[in-house]
Amino acid sequence: MSASDCMPEGLVYDAGLSGCETSFKLLWSLAAFNLLSAVLSLFFGHDAIRRHIPSCSSSNEWKPWSSIVLTMIHPLAMALATITIRVNGFKPDIFLVFAIWTMRPRMTATPIWFLVSNCSRRTRNPYLWTFKDNIVEETILNIFSLPFAILFIVNRHDSQQGWCADSSDYLAFWDAFYIIAAAGVISLALLVCMALHYCCHSGRKYVPVPHNNMPVLSRFWKWTLIVAGFNMLVAFAGQWLLWGAFITNAGTDFCPGSLVGESATWAVALLTIALGRPLIGGPGGA
């Protein structure tokens, strides 16, 4: 019995395919996606850059619409990645592959900015507009992955639970679903709080008056950033634990048809999101 026997049935597919990418290459590609996301967010997320990009709706008050609209790009990229993964004779279960893509490691630069800005005791930050966009985006995505995580928790698709239960890799893989589900529950509560806060302050300027052209976080957004930042780090840890254990144990039984195609799909999606934020809505030039 191999380690891949402990992975969910439907995600692994022993077809004896040749040319399968190694686990190292697959994990490296996931790390590259995260690095690309952070670099794009750091560049296009700075207020100085966003103010110079033509926007459909510029204002001095942050609104969540750009982040909500662009969040829908993620499920589209997941669907394309699911299709691409099956183009070379690798025939896993489409639904399960899509489900696992909803829990791919996502590391926006928001937690990094949060830690840096707090360690330096700064009260003003040129990324505050993008902070809020990232928080809304990641919160929705965590909620989106919640039912899929619960599905895996309730229905363990492996056929050798007794033997696999002695494997630390098996336990780490399934424990990751609990971490992701917990992050999803916290995100759900956070989204309710943000929605209520936005509705209660609709029509009023609840973003504090900028000081020296550098907006300052309100008390509500300070607490939101703290909770969301740490929740995103927890979710990120769970996502890496999940994918690391899965890819390492599945080996060549997880054989994406085209790593180049997968990389291109996510690169285009991440670039579209990074450019789309300032195009749909951004800080006013004043």
Protein backbone atom coordinates (compact mmCIF):
# COMPACT_ATOMS: atom_id res chain seq x y z
CA MET A 1 0.00 0.00 0.00
CA SER A 2 1.35 3.43 -0.98
CA ALA A 3 0.89 6.84 0.57
CA SER A 4 -1.42 7.85 -2.28
CA ASP A 5 -3.95 5.28 -1.03
CA CYS A 6 -4.57 7.61 1.91
CA MET A 7 -5.62 10.46 -0.34
CA PRO A 8 -9.29 11.09 -1.22
CA GLU A 9 -10.59 8.84 -3.96
CA GLY A 10 -11.26 10.93 -7.04
CA LEU A 11 -8.36 13.31 -6.50
CA VAL A 12 -5.76 10.67 -7.28
CA TYR A 13 -5.80 8.71 -10.52
CA ASP A 14 -3.39 5.87 -11.18
CA ALA A 15 -3.33 5.80 -14.98
CA GLY A 16 0.38 5.12 -15.44
CA LEU A 17 0.85 8.41 -17.27
CA SER A 18 4.34 9.48 -18.29
CA GLY A 19 5.81 12.96 -17.97
CA CYS A 20 4.11 13.75 -14.66
CA GLU A 21 5.56 16.72 -12.82
CA THR A 22 7.40 16.04 -9.57
CA SER A 23 5.94 17.06 -6.24
CA PHE A 24 8.72 19.64 -5.90
CA LYS A 25 7.71 21.38 -9.16
CA LEU A 26 4.04 21.42 -8.21
CA LEU A 27 4.73 22.91 -4.78
CA TRP A 28 7.13 25.42 -6.31
CA SER A 29 4.44 26.53 -8.76
CA LEU A 30 2.07 27.18 -5.83
CA ALA A 31 4.77 29.22 -4.10
CA ALA A 32 5.33 31.18 -7.33
CA PHE A 33 1.60 32.03 -7.50
CA ASN A 34 1.77 33.47 -3.99
CA LEU A 35 4.92 35.45 -4.74
CA LEU A 36 3.34 36.87 -7.90
CA SER A 37 0.21 37.84 -5.96
CA ALA A 38 2.26 39.63 -3.29
CA VAL A 39 4.41 41.51 -5.84
CA LEU A 40 1.41 42.65 -7.88
CA SER A 41 -0.46 43.74 -4.75
CA LEU A 42 2.52 45.65 -3.40
CA PHE A 43 3.01 47.51 -6.68
CA PHE A 44 -0.54 48.18 -7.88
CA GLY A 45 -1.88 48.46 -4.33
CA HIS A 46 0.07 51.59 -3.39
CA ASP A 47 -2.09 54.72 -3.32
CA ALA A 48 0.41 56.62 -5.45
CA ILE A 49 0.00 54.02 -8.22
CA ARG A 50 -3.75 53.63 -7.87
CA ARG A 51 -4.31 57.40 -8.12
CA HIS A 52 -2.58 57.46 -11.53
CA ILE A 53 -4.60 54.59 -13.00
CA PRO A 54 -7.88 55.68 -14.68
CA SER A 55 -10.76 54.51 -12.51
CA CYS A 56 -14.44 53.99 -13.26
CA SER A 57 -15.30 55.27 -9.81
CA SER A 58 -12.79 57.49 -7.99
CA SER A 59 -13.66 58.88 -4.59
CA ASN A 60 -12.20 59.76 -1.22
CA GLU A 61 -14.35 57.12 0.45
CA TRP A 62 -13.58 53.42 0.15
CA LYS A 63 -16.31 51.17 -1.25
CA PRO A 64 -16.25 47.36 -1.46
CA TRP A 65 -17.57 46.97 -5.01
CA SER A 66 -14.26 46.47 -6.82
CA SER A 67 -13.17 43.73 -4.43
CA ILE A 68 -16.58 42.01 -4.62
CA VAL A 69 -16.62 42.04 -8.43
CA LEU A 70 -13.04 40.86 -8.78
CA THR A 71 -13.51 38.06 -6.26
CA MET A 72 -15.64 36.35 -8.92
CA ILE A 73 -12.51 35.93 -11.05
CA HIS A 74 -11.17 33.36 -8.59
CA PRO A 75 -13.94 30.75 -9.19
CA LEU A 76 -13.50 31.25 -12.94
CA ALA A 77 -9.75 30.62 -12.60
CA MET A 78 -10.48 27.56 -10.45
CA ALA A 79 -12.80 26.21 -13.16
CA LEU A 80 -10.20 26.80 -15.89
CA ALA A 81 -7.49 25.22 -13.73
CA THR A 82 -9.76 22.22 -13.20
CA ILE A 83 -10.25 21.82 -16.95
CA THR A 84 -6.55 22.31 -17.69
CA ILE A 85 -5.57 19.70 -15.15
CA ARG A 86 -7.41 17.02 -17.16
CA VAL A 87 -6.01 17.64 -20.66
CA ASN A 88 -3.31 14.96 -20.69
CA GLY A 89 -5.24 11.83 -19.82
CA PHE A 90 -5.37 12.63 -16.10
CA LYS A 91 -9.04 12.04 -15.22
CA PRO A 92 -9.76 12.83 -11.56
CA ASP A 93 -13.19 13.78 -10.27
CA ILE A 94 -13.98 17.29 -11.59
CA PHE A 95 -15.95 18.34 -8.53
CA LEU A 96 -13.26 17.25 -6.08
CA VAL A 97 -10.51 18.94 -8.08
CA PHE A 98 -12.51 22.18 -8.11
CA ALA A 99 -13.13 21.78 -4.38
CA ILE A 100 -9.43 21.38 -3.64
CA TRP A 101 -8.64 24.43 -5.80
CA THR A 102 -10.92 26.54 -3.59
CA MET A 103 -8.45 25.81 -0.80
CA ARG A 104 -5.24 26.56 -2.70
CA PRO A 105 -2.66 28.61 -0.75
CA ARG A 106 -3.42 32.32 -1.11
CA MET A 107 -1.07 34.85 0.41
CA THR A 108 -2.01 38.40 -0.35
CA ALA A 109 0.36 41.05 0.98
CA THR A 110 -2.17 42.28 3.53
CA PRO A 111 -0.84 40.31 6.54
CA ILE A 112 2.70 41.38 5.63
CA TRP A 113 1.68 45.03 5.47
CA PHE A 114 -0.22 44.64 8.72
CA LEU A 115 2.77 43.24 10.59
CA VAL A 116 5.23 45.74 9.15
CA SER A 117 3.02 48.77 9.81
CA ASN A 118 2.36 47.70 13.40
CA CYS A 119 5.95 46.79 14.18
CA SER A 120 7.03 50.23 12.99
CA ARG A 121 4.19 51.83 15.01
CA ARG A 122 2.95 53.67 11.97
CA THR A 123 -0.58 55.08 12.09
CA ARG A 124 -0.68 55.99 8.39
CA ASN A 125 -0.13 53.67 5.49
CA PRO A 126 -0.41 54.20 1.70
CA TYR A 127 -1.93 50.72 1.30
CA LEU A 128 -5.06 51.25 3.40
CA TRP A 129 -7.41 51.26 0.39
CA THR A 130 -5.92 47.99 -0.85
CA PHE A 131 -5.93 46.64 2.72
CA LYS A 132 -9.70 46.82 2.72
CA ASP A 133 -10.03 45.40 -0.79
CA ASN A 134 -7.86 42.40 0.19
CA ILE A 135 -9.77 41.84 3.40
CA VAL A 136 -13.12 41.69 1.60
CA GLU A 137 -11.70 39.48 -1.15
CA GLU A 138 -10.02 36.99 1.18
CA THR A 139 -13.01 36.94 3.53
CA ILE A 140 -15.36 35.98 0.70
CA LEU A 141 -12.94 33.34 -0.63
CA ASN A 142 -12.57 31.79 2.82
CA ILE A 143 -16.36 31.57 3.07
CA PHE A 144 -16.52 30.12 -0.44
CA SER A 145 -14.15 27.30 0.55
CA LEU A 146 -16.00 26.60 3.83
CA PRO A 147 -18.67 24.19 2.47
CA PHE A 148 -16.03 22.25 0.53
CA ALA A 149 -13.88 21.88 3.65
CA ILE A 150 -16.93 20.68 5.59
CA LEU A 151 -17.71 18.22 2.79
CA PHE A 152 -14.27 16.63 3.11
CA ILE A 153 -14.54 16.57 6.91
CA VAL A 154 -17.94 14.87 6.91
CA ASN A 155 -17.13 12.46 4.08
CA ARG A 156 -13.65 11.03 4.18
CA HIS A 157 -13.21 9.63 0.70
CA ASP A 158 -10.24 7.40 1.51
CA SER A 159 -10.83 3.66 1.58
CA GLN A 160 -8.15 2.69 4.09
CA GLN A 161 -8.90 4.79 7.16
CA GLY A 162 -7.71 2.14 9.58
CA TRP A 163 -4.26 1.77 8.01
CA CYS A 164 -3.92 5.45 7.16
CA ALA A 165 -4.83 6.59 10.65
CA ASP A 166 -1.35 5.55 11.75
CA SER A 167 0.24 7.90 9.20
CA SER A 168 1.19 11.38 10.40
CA ASP A 169 0.87 12.67 6.82
CA TYR A 170 -2.68 11.36 6.68
CA LEU A 171 -3.58 13.09 9.93
CA ALA A 172 -1.94 16.35 8.84
CA PHE A 173 -3.86 16.28 5.56
CA TRP A 174 -7.25 15.90 7.22
CA ASP A 175 -6.45 18.28 10.09
CA ALA A 176 -5.87 20.98 7.48
CA PHE A 177 -9.57 20.88 6.57
CA TYR A 178 -10.47 21.78 10.17
CA ILE A 179 -8.11 24.76 10.07
CA ILE A 180 -9.55 25.98 6.77
CA ALA A 181 -13.12 25.46 7.99
CA ALA A 182 -12.39 27.41 11.18
CA ALA A 183 -10.98 30.28 9.12
CA GLY A 184 -14.14 30.16 7.00
CA VAL A 185 -16.39 30.44 10.04
CA ILE A 186 -14.41 33.42 11.37
CA SER A 187 -14.58 35.00 7.91
CA LEU A 188 -18.35 34.54 7.85
CA ALA A 189 -18.69 36.39 11.16
CA LEU A 190 -16.28 39.05 9.92
CA LEU A 191 -18.27 39.56 6.71
CA VAL A 192 -21.48 40.04 8.70
CA CYS A 193 -19.77 42.68 10.85
CA MET A 194 -18.39 44.50 7.80
CA ALA A 195 -21.76 44.41 6.03
CA LEU A 196 -23.57 45.79 9.08
CA HIS A 197 -20.92 48.46 9.55
CA TYR A 198 -21.13 49.51 5.92
CA CYS A 199 -24.94 49.62 5.93
CA CYS A 200 -25.05 51.60 9.16
CA HIS A 201 -22.56 54.14 7.78
CA SER A 202 -23.92 54.26 4.23
CA GLY A 203 -24.05 57.84 3.02
CA ARG A 204 -21.65 59.03 5.70
CA LYS A 205 -17.91 59.50 5.42
CA TYR A 206 -16.74 56.83 7.83
CA VAL A 207 -13.19 56.80 6.46
CA PRO A 208 -11.32 59.36 8.62
CA VAL A 209 -10.18 62.59 7.04
CA PRO A 210 -6.73 62.08 5.48
CA HIS A 211 -3.80 63.57 7.33
CA ASN A 212 -0.97 64.79 5.10
CA ASN A 213 -2.65 62.93 2.23
CA MET A 214 -2.22 59.63 4.12
CA PRO A 215 -5.53 58.09 5.28
CA VAL A 216 -5.68 56.78 8.83
CA LEU A 217 -7.57 53.63 9.81
CA SER A 218 -10.71 54.04 11.89
CA ARG A 219 -11.06 52.02 15.10
CA PHE A 220 -13.42 49.57 13.37
CA TRP A 221 -10.97 48.93 10.53
CA LYS A 222 -8.04 48.57 12.92
CA TRP A 223 -9.80 45.70 14.68
CA THR A 224 -11.01 44.30 11.38
CA LEU A 225 -7.48 44.33 10.00
CA ILE A 226 -6.13 42.62 13.12
CA VAL A 227 -8.73 39.83 13.05
CA ALA A 228 -8.68 39.40 9.28
CA GLY A 229 -4.88 39.55 9.09
CA PHE A 230 -4.35 36.77 11.62
CA ASN A 231 -7.25 34.77 10.16
CA MET A 232 -5.66 34.98 6.72
CA LEU A 233 -2.37 33.73 8.15
CA VAL A 234 -4.15 30.80 9.83
CA ALA A 235 -6.00 29.97 6.60
CA PHE A 236 -2.75 30.22 4.65
CA ALA A 237 -1.05 27.78 7.02
CA GLY A 238 -3.95 25.35 6.68
CA GLN A 239 -3.94 25.64 2.89
CA TRP A 240 -0.21 24.92 2.67
CA LEU A 241 -0.57 22.01 5.08
CA LEU A 242 -3.36 20.61 2.93
CA TRP A 243 -1.65 20.98 -0.45
CA GLY A 244 1.78 20.03 0.84
CA ALA A 245 0.51 16.77 2.34
CA PHE A 246 -1.69 16.02 -0.65
CA ILE A 247 0.86 16.58 -3.43
CA THR A 248 3.69 14.91 -1.51
CA ASN A 249 1.65 11.78 -0.77
CA ALA A 250 -0.22 11.57 -4.07
CA GLY A 251 3.02 11.61 -6.06
CA THR A 252 2.51 10.74 -9.73
CA ASP A 253 -1.10 9.72 -9.00
CA PHE A 254 -1.77 13.47 -9.10
CA CYS A 255 -0.64 14.30 -12.63
CA PRO A 256 -1.74 17.70 -14.00
CA GLY A 257 -1.84 17.71 -17.78
CA SER A 258 0.01 20.99 -18.20
CA LEU A 259 1.89 22.82 -15.48
CA VAL A 260 2.47 25.63 -17.98
CA GLY A 261 -1.27 25.87 -18.58
CA GLU A 262 -2.00 25.92 -14.86
CA SER A 263 0.61 28.62 -14.30
CA ALA A 264 -0.69 30.73 -17.18
CA THR A 265 -4.26 30.47 -15.88
CA TRP A 266 -3.38 31.72 -12.42
CA ALA A 267 -0.92 34.33 -13.66
CA VAL A 268 -3.57 35.91 -15.90
CA ALA A 269 -6.15 35.75 -13.12
CA LEU A 270 -3.86 37.38 -10.54
CA LEU A 271 -2.77 40.09 -12.98
CA THR A 272 -6.40 40.82 -13.91
CA ILE A 273 -7.34 41.17 -10.25
CA ALA A 274 -4.36 43.41 -9.44
CA LEU A 275 -5.10 45.71 -12.40
CA GLY A 276 -8.85 45.47 -12.02
CA ARG A 277 -8.96 46.88 -8.50
CA PRO A 278 -7.75 50.39 -9.42
CA LEU A 279 -9.66 50.32 -12.73
CA ILE A 280 -13.03 49.59 -11.10
CA GLY A 281 -12.60 51.84 -8.08
CA GLY A 282 -9.80 53.69 -6.37
CA PRO A 283 -8.83 56.66 -4.22
CA GLY A 284 -9.49 60.10 -5.65
CA GLY A 285 -6.66 62.21 -6.87
CA ALA A 286 -7.24 64.90 -4.29
